[in-house]
C-alpha cells in the first residue's frame, strides 16, 4: 500500500488499502512516527485528508472522534 505525504505538523502520511485507513503521525520533533490503522474509516477519509488544508484538524473531527485506531507500526 502506498502512503501519501501530507502537509501537516501532526500527520506525516496517509494511505488506504481498500479496507482500512492508515495514518502515520509525526513525533514532537517532526520526524515520521507511529502508524495507526482505522478499520472502519472509508477511502473518502483518505482523499479528504490528502486534500485538506488542515489534515490534523480533519483527523481530529472526522476520524479520531468516530473511528477506533490500532497501532500497527513505529
PDB file of N, CA and C in Angstrom:
ATOM      1  N   UNK A   1       0.834  -1.168   0.000  1.00  0.00           N
ATOM      2  CA  UNK A   1       0.000   0.000   0.000  1.00  0.00           C
ATOM      3  C   UNK A   1       0.890   1.247   0.000  1.00  0.00           C
ATOM      4  N   UNK A   2       0.511   2.208  -0.793  1.00  0.00           N
ATOM      5  CA  UNK A   2       1.274   3.446  -0.900  1.00  0.00           C
ATOM      6  C   UNK A   2       0.808   4.460   0.143  1.00  0.00           C
ATOM      7  N   UNK A   3       1.770   5.042   0.824  1.00  0.00           N
ATOM      8  CA  UNK A   3       1.481   6.115   1.770  1.00  0.00           C
ATOM      9  C   UNK A   3       1.764   7.442   1.075  1.00  0.00           C
ATOM     10  N   UNK A   4       0.871   8.404   1.260  1.00  0.00           N
ATOM     11  CA  UNK A   4       0.970   9.704   0.611  1.00  0.00           C
ATOM     12  C   UNK A   4       1.291  10.770   1.650  1.00  0.00           C
ATOM     13  N   UNK A   5       2.409  11.480   1.489  1.00  0.00           N
ATOM     14  CA  UNK A   5       2.743  12.559   2.423  1.00  0.00           C
ATOM     15  C   UNK A   5       1.692  13.663   2.382  1.00  0.00           C
ATOM     16  N   UNK A   6       1.431  14.269   3.529  1.00  0.00           N
ATOM     17  CA  UNK A   6       0.533  15.425   3.608  1.00  0.00           C
ATOM     18  C   UNK A   6       1.270  16.559   4.316  1.00  0.00           C
ATOM     19  N   UNK A   7       0.809  17.772   4.079  1.00  0.00           N
ATOM     20  CA  UNK A   7       1.406  18.936   4.723  1.00  0.00           C
ATOM     21  C   UNK A   7       0.702  19.167   6.043  1.00  0.00           C
ATOM     22  N   UNK A   8       1.358  18.789   7.124  1.00  0.00           N
ATOM     23  CA  UNK A   8       0.757  18.863   8.447  1.00  0.00           C
ATOM     24  C   UNK A   8       1.857  18.786   9.496  1.00  0.00           C
ATOM     25  N   UNK A   9       1.671  19.460  10.598  1.00  0.00           N
ATOM     26  CA  UNK A   9       2.623  19.340  11.696  1.00  0.00           C
ATOM     27  C   UNK A   9       2.350  18.091  12.529  1.00  0.00           C
ATOM     28  N   UNK A  10       1.168  17.505  12.380  1.00  0.00           N
ATOM     29  CA  UNK A  10       0.763  16.348  13.179  1.00  0.00           C
ATOM     30  C   UNK A  10       0.834  15.028  12.419  1.00  0.00           C
ATOM     31  N   UNK A  11       0.516  15.069  11.117  1.00  0.00           N
ATOM     32  CA  UNK A  11       0.425  13.853  10.309  1.00  0.00           C
ATOM     33  C   UNK A  11       1.502  13.873   9.232  1.00  0.00           C
ATOM     34  N   UNK A  12       2.230  12.767   9.121  1.00  0.00           N
ATOM     35  CA  UNK A  12       3.284  12.667   8.109  1.00  0.00           C
ATOM     36  C   UNK A  12       2.729  12.155   6.778  1.00  0.00           C
ATOM     37  N   UNK A  13       1.934  11.057   6.828  1.00  0.00           N
ATOM     38  CA  UNK A  13       1.439  10.446   5.595  1.00  0.00           C
ATOM     39  C   UNK A  13       0.165   9.669   5.863  1.00  0.00           C
ATOM     40  N   UNK A  14      -0.613   9.442   4.781  1.00  0.00           N
ATOM     41  CA  UNK A  14      -1.858   8.686   4.887  1.00  0.00           C
ATOM     42  C   UNK A  14      -1.925   7.679   3.737  1.00  0.00           C
ATOM     43  N   UNK A  15      -2.643   6.594   3.967  1.00  0.00           N
ATOM     44  CA  UNK A  15      -2.835   5.587   2.930  1.00  0.00           C
ATOM     45  C   UNK A  15      -4.128   4.839   3.171  1.00  0.00           C
ATOM     46  N   UNK A  16      -4.607   4.148   2.143  1.00  0.00           N
ATOM     47  CA  UNK A  16      -5.808   3.316   2.266  1.00  0.00           C
ATOM     48  C   UNK A  16      -5.599   2.094   1.396  1.00  0.00           C
ATOM     49  N   UNK A  17      -5.862   0.919   1.952  1.00  0.00           N
ATOM     50  CA  UNK A  17      -5.627  -0.320   1.214  1.00  0.00           C
ATOM     51  C   UNK A  17      -6.899  -0.949   0.668  1.00  0.00           C
ATOM     52  N   UNK A  18      -7.983  -0.181   0.643  1.00  0.00           N
ATOM     53  CA  UNK A  18      -9.265  -0.727   0.197  1.00  0.00           C
ATOM     54  C   UNK A  18     -10.098  -1.267   1.339  1.00  0.00           C
ATOM     55  N   UNK A  19      -9.480  -1.449   2.491  1.00  0.00           N
ATOM     56  CA  UNK A  19     -10.174  -1.964   3.671  1.00  0.00           C
ATOM     57  C   UNK A  19     -10.072  -1.020   4.860  1.00  0.00           C
ATOM     58  N   UNK A  20      -8.919  -0.366   5.001  1.00  0.00           N
ATOM     59  CA  UNK A  20      -8.667   0.446   6.188  1.00  0.00           C
ATOM     60  C   UNK A  20      -7.838   1.681   5.829  1.00  0.00           C
ATOM     61  N   UNK A  21      -7.987   2.703   6.664  1.00  0.00           N
ATOM     62  CA  UNK A  21      -7.212   3.932   6.565  1.00  0.00           C
ATOM     63  C   UNK A  21      -5.974   3.789   7.445  1.00  0.00           C
ATOM     64  N   UNK A  22      -4.821   4.196   6.930  1.00  0.00           N
ATOM     65  CA  UNK A  22      -3.580   4.183   7.686  1.00  0.00           C
ATOM     66  C   UNK A  22      -3.081   5.612   7.804  1.00  0.00           C
ATOM     67  N   UNK A  23      -2.688   6.001   9.002  1.00  0.00           N
ATOM     68  CA  UNK A  23      -2.154   7.342   9.233  1.00  0.00           C
ATOM     69  C   UNK A  23      -0.836   7.216   9.987  1.00  0.00           C
ATOM     70  N   UNK A  24       0.204   7.792   9.393  1.00  0.00           N
ATOM     71  CA  UNK A  24       1.493   7.861  10.069  1.00  0.00           C
ATOM     72  C   UNK A  24       1.628   9.269  10.637  1.00  0.00           C
ATOM     73  N   UNK A  25       1.743   9.339  11.940  1.00  0.00           N
ATOM     74  CA  UNK A  25       1.840  10.620  12.631  1.00  0.00           C
ATOM     75  C   UNK A  25       3.286  11.091  12.678  1.00  0.00           C
ATOM     76  N   UNK A  26       3.478  12.310  13.106  1.00  0.00           N
ATOM     77  CA  UNK A  26       4.816  12.860  13.319  1.00  0.00           C
ATOM     78  C   UNK A  26       5.127  12.827  14.817  1.00  0.00           C
ATOM     79  N   UNK A  27       6.410  12.728  15.127  1.00  0.00           N
ATOM     80  CA  UNK A  27       6.841  12.851  16.513  1.00  0.00           C
ATOM     81  C   UNK A  27       6.823  14.335  16.887  1.00  0.00           C
ATOM     82  N   UNK A  28       7.043  14.634  18.150  1.00  0.00           N
ATOM     83  CA  UNK A  28       7.103  16.032  18.591  1.00  0.00           C
ATOM     84  C   UNK A  28       8.231  16.789  17.912  1.00  0.00           C
ATOM     85  N   UNK A  29       9.247  16.062  17.456  1.00  0.00           N
ATOM     86  CA  UNK A  29      10.374  16.682  16.765  1.00  0.00           C
ATOM     87  C   UNK A  29      10.098  16.851  15.264  1.00  0.00           C
ATOM     88  N   UNK A  30       8.968  16.337  14.784  1.00  0.00           N
ATOM     89  CA  UNK A  30       8.594  16.487  13.380  1.00  0.00           C
ATOM     90  C   UNK A  30       8.983  15.322  12.486  1.00  0.00           C
ATOM     91  N   UNK A  31       9.645  14.323  13.036  1.00  0.00           N
ATOM     92  CA  UNK A  31      10.059  13.153  12.254  1.00  0.00           C
ATOM     93  C   UNK A  31       8.876  12.193  12.082  1.00  0.00           C
ATOM     94  N   UNK A  32       8.933  11.318  11.060  1.00  0.00           N
ATOM     95  CA  UNK A  32       7.894  10.298  10.925  1.00  0.00           C
ATOM     96  C   UNK A  32       7.821   9.450  12.191  1.00  0.00           C
ATOM     97  N   UNK A  33       6.611   9.191  12.633  1.00  0.00           N
ATOM     98  CA  UNK A  33       6.417   8.458  13.880  1.00  0.00           C
ATOM     99  C   UNK A  33       5.535   7.241  13.707  1.00  0.00           C
ATOM    100  N   UNK A  34       4.705   6.938  14.711  1.00  0.00           N
ATOM    101  CA  UNK A  34       3.890   5.734  14.699  1.00  0.00           C
ATOM    102  C   UNK A  34       2.795   5.767  13.637  1.00  0.00           C
ATOM    103  N   UNK A  35       2.426   4.567  13.170  1.00  0.00           N
ATOM    104  CA  UNK A  35       1.353   4.406  12.192  1.00  0.00           C
ATOM    105  C   UNK A  35       0.181   3.695  12.857  1.00  0.00           C
ATOM    106  N   UNK A  36      -1.010   4.226  12.624  1.00  0.00           N
ATOM    107  CA  UNK A  36      -2.242   3.636  13.145  1.00  0.00           C
ATOM    108  C   UNK A  36      -3.140   3.217  11.998  1.00  0.00           C
ATOM    109  N   UNK A  37      -3.894   2.135  12.223  1.00  0.00           N
ATOM    110  CA  UNK A  37      -4.870   1.637  11.254  1.00  0.00           C
ATOM    111  C   UNK A  37      -6.279   1.918  11.796  1.00  0.00           C
ATOM    112  N   UNK A  38      -7.133   2.413  10.919  1.00  0.00           N
ATOM    113  CA  UNK A  38      -8.529   2.701  11.255  1.00  0.00           C
ATOM    114  C   UNK A  38      -9.390   1.853  10.339  1.00  0.00           C
ATOM    115  N   UNK A  39      -9.804   0.663  10.834  1.00  0.00           N
ATOM    116  CA  UNK A  39     -10.522  -0.307  10.004  1.00  0.00           C
ATOM    117  C   UNK A  39     -11.856   0.190   9.478  1.00  0.00           C
ATOM    118  N   UNK A  40     -12.552   0.993  10.248  1.00  0.00           N
ATOM    119  CA  UNK A  40     -13.899   1.402   9.841  1.00  0.00           C
ATOM    120  C   UNK A  40     -13.919   2.706   9.047  1.00  0.00           C
ATOM    121  N   UNK A  41     -12.753   3.281   8.775  1.00  0.00           N
ATOM    122  CA  UNK A  41     -12.686   4.550   8.046  1.00  0.00           C
ATOM    123  C   UNK A  41     -12.541   4.289   6.552  1.00  0.00           C
ATOM    124  N   UNK A  42     -13.498   4.754   5.787  1.00  0.00           N
ATOM    125  CA  UNK A  42     -13.521   4.517   4.351  1.00  0.00           C
ATOM    126  C   UNK A  42     -12.506   5.333   3.573  1.00  0.00           C
ATOM    127  N   UNK A  43     -12.408   5.013   2.279  1.00  0.00           N
ATOM    128  CA  UNK A  43     -11.461   5.678   1.383  1.00  0.00           C
ATOM    129  C   UNK A  43     -11.735   7.171   1.264  1.00  0.00           C
ATOM    130  N   UNK A  44     -12.976   7.585   1.516  1.00  0.00           N
ATOM    131  CA  UNK A  44     -13.292   9.016   1.436  1.00  0.00           C
ATOM    132  C   UNK A  44     -12.481   9.827   2.448  1.00  0.00           C
ATOM    133  N   UNK A  45     -12.147   9.221   3.581  1.00  0.00           N
ATOM    134  CA  UNK A  45     -11.329   9.921   4.578  1.00  0.00           C
ATOM    135  C   UNK A  45      -9.888  10.078   4.074  1.00  0.00           C
ATOM    136  N   UNK A  46      -9.399   9.077   3.371  1.00  0.00           N
ATOM    137  CA  UNK A  46      -8.057   9.157   2.786  1.00  0.00           C
ATOM    138  C   UNK A  46      -7.974  10.338   1.820  1.00  0.00           C
ATOM    139  N   UNK A  47      -8.944  10.431   0.930  1.00  0.00           N
ATOM    140  CA  UNK A  47      -8.954  11.531  -0.040  1.00  0.00           C
ATOM    141  C   UNK A  47      -9.132  12.882   0.649  1.00  0.00           C
ATOM    142  N   UNK A  48      -9.997  12.925   1.650  1.00  0.00           N
ATOM    143  CA  UNK A  48     -10.234  14.184   2.363  1.00  0.00           C
ATOM    144  C   UNK A  48      -8.978  14.637   3.115  1.00  0.00           C
ATOM    145  N   UNK A  49      -8.269  13.705   3.732  1.00  0.00           N
ATOM    146  CA  UNK A  49      -7.028  14.056   4.428  1.00  0.00           C
ATOM    147  C   UNK A  49      -5.980  14.578   3.448  1.00  0.00           C
ATOM    148  N   UNK A  50      -5.887  13.952   2.294  1.00  0.00           N
ATOM    149  CA  UNK A  50      -4.903  14.385   1.289  1.00  0.00           C
ATOM    150  C   UNK A  50      -5.229  15.773   0.744  1.00  0.00           C
ATOM    151  N   UNK A  51      -6.513  16.120   0.655  1.00  0.00           N
ATOM    152  CA  UNK A  51      -6.903  17.397   0.079  1.00  0.00           C
ATOM    153  C   UNK A  51      -7.180  18.496   1.082  1.00  0.00           C
ATOM    154  N   UNK A  52      -7.105  18.182   2.352  1.00  0.00           N
ATOM    155  CA  UNK A  52      -7.455  19.146   3.392  1.00  0.00           C
ATOM    156  C   UNK A  52      -6.373  20.209   3.590  1.00  0.00           C
ATOM    157  N   UNK A  53      -6.810  21.434   3.871  1.00  0.00           N
ATOM    158  CA  UNK A  53      -5.862  22.487   4.258  1.00  0.00           C
ATOM    159  C   UNK A  53      -5.265  22.202   5.627  1.00  0.00           C
ATOM    160  N   UNK A  54      -6.013  21.467   6.463  1.00  0.00           N
ATOM    161  CA  UNK A  54      -5.541  21.109   7.795  1.00  0.00           C
ATOM    162  C   UNK A  54      -5.849  19.632   8.062  1.00  0.00           C
ATOM    163  N   UNK A  55      -4.970  18.730   7.599  1.00  0.00           N
ATOM    164  CA  UNK A  55      -5.215  17.308   7.830  1.00  0.00           C
ATOM    165  C   UNK A  55      -5.361  16.954   9.314  1.00  0.00           C
ATOM    166  N   UNK A  56      -4.603  17.621  10.182  1.00  0.00           N
ATOM    167  CA  UNK A  56      -4.707  17.340  11.613  1.00  0.00           C
ATOM    168  C   UNK A  56      -6.080  17.672  12.166  1.00  0.00           C
ATOM    169  N   UNK A  57      -6.633  18.781  11.743  1.00  0.00           N
ATOM    170  CA  UNK A  57      -7.971  19.175  12.188  1.00  0.00           C
ATOM    171  C   UNK A  57      -9.028  18.221  11.619  1.00  0.00           C
ATOM    172  N   UNK A  58      -8.900  17.877  10.330  1.00  0.00           N
ATOM    173  CA  UNK A  58      -9.840  16.929   9.729  1.00  0.00           C
ATOM    174  C   UNK A  58      -9.782  15.606  10.492  1.00  0.00           C
ATOM    175  N   UNK A  59      -8.581  15.115  10.765  1.00  0.00           N
ATOM    176  CA  UNK A  59      -8.430  13.865  11.503  1.00  0.00           C
ATOM    177  C   UNK A  59      -9.140  13.934  12.843  1.00  0.00           C
ATOM    178  N   UNK A  60      -8.935  15.013  13.563  1.00  0.00           N
ATOM    179  CA  UNK A  60      -9.500  15.131  14.910  1.00  0.00           C
ATOM    180  C   UNK A  60     -11.023  15.045  14.898  1.00  0.00           C
ATOM    181  N   UNK A  61     -11.650  15.722  13.962  1.00  0.00           N
ATOM    182  CA  UNK A  61     -13.113  15.798  13.969  1.00  0.00           C
ATOM    183  C   UNK A  61     -13.811  14.717  13.155  1.00  0.00           C
ATOM    184  N   UNK A  62     -13.201  14.216  12.089  1.00  0.00           N
ATOM    185  CA  UNK A  62     -13.889  13.262  11.215  1.00  0.00           C
ATOM    186  C   UNK A  62     -13.409  11.821  11.381  1.00  0.00           C
ATOM    187  N   UNK A  63     -12.221  11.628  11.925  1.00  0.00           N
ATOM    188  CA  UNK A  63     -11.697  10.273  12.063  1.00  0.00           C
ATOM    189  C   UNK A  63     -11.559   9.898  13.538  1.00  0.00           C
ATOM    190  N   UNK A  64     -10.787  10.640  14.294  1.00  0.00           N
ATOM    191  CA  UNK A  64     -10.461  10.276  15.665  1.00  0.00           C
ATOM    192  C   UNK A  64     -11.679  10.176  16.583  1.00  0.00           C
ATOM    193  N   UNK A  65     -12.639  11.049  16.400  1.00  0.00           N
ATOM    194  CA  UNK A  65     -13.818  11.034  17.287  1.00  0.00           C
ATOM    195  C   UNK A  65     -14.844   9.979  16.891  1.00  0.00           C
ATOM    196  N   UNK A  66     -14.650   9.350  15.716  1.00  0.00           N
ATOM    197  CA  UNK A  66     -15.652   8.416  15.194  1.00  0.00           C
ATOM    198  C   UNK A  66     -15.102   7.001  15.045  1.00  0.00           C
ATOM    199  N   UNK A  67     -13.826   6.861  14.708  1.00  0.00           N
ATOM    200  CA  UNK A  67     -13.243   5.556  14.387  1.00  0.00           C
ATOM    201  C   UNK A  67     -12.134   5.194  15.367  1.00  0.00           C
ATOM    202  N   UNK A  68     -12.120   3.947  15.776  1.00  0.00           N
ATOM    203  CA  UNK A  68     -11.077   3.464  16.682  1.00  0.00           C
ATOM    204  C   UNK A  68      -9.823   3.127  15.878  1.00  0.00           C
ATOM    205  N   UNK A  69      -8.669   3.548  16.372  1.00  0.00           N
ATOM    206  CA  UNK A  69      -7.408   3.270  15.713  1.00  0.00           C
ATOM    207  C   UNK A  69      -6.614   2.232  16.477  1.00  0.00           C
ATOM    208  N   UNK A  70      -5.768   1.497  15.733  1.00  0.00           N
ATOM    209  CA  UNK A  70      -4.905   0.489  16.332  1.00  0.00           C
ATOM    210  C   UNK A  70      -3.473   0.745  15.866  1.00  0.00           C
ATOM    211  N   UNK A  71      -2.548   0.790  16.800  1.00  0.00           N
ATOM    212  CA  UNK A  71      -1.138   0.976  16.481  1.00  0.00           C
ATOM    213  C   UNK A  71      -0.637  -0.232  15.688  1.00  0.00           C
ATOM    214  N   UNK A  72      -0.050   0.031  14.508  1.00  0.00           N
ATOM    215  CA  UNK A  72       0.444  -1.067  13.672  1.00  0.00           C
ATOM    216  C   UNK A  72       1.918  -0.922  13.321  1.00  0.00           C
ATOM    217  N   UNK A  73       2.530   0.196  13.665  1.00  0.00           N
ATOM    218  CA  UNK A  73       3.944   0.357  13.363  1.00  0.00           C
ATOM    219  C   UNK A  73       4.530   1.586  14.018  1.00  0.00           C
ATOM    220  N   UNK A  74       5.825   1.496  14.286  1.00  0.00           N
ATOM    221  CA  UNK A  74       6.548   2.638  14.818  1.00  0.00           C
ATOM    222  C   UNK A  74       6.457   2.777  16.266  1.00  0.00           C
TER     223      UNK A  74
END
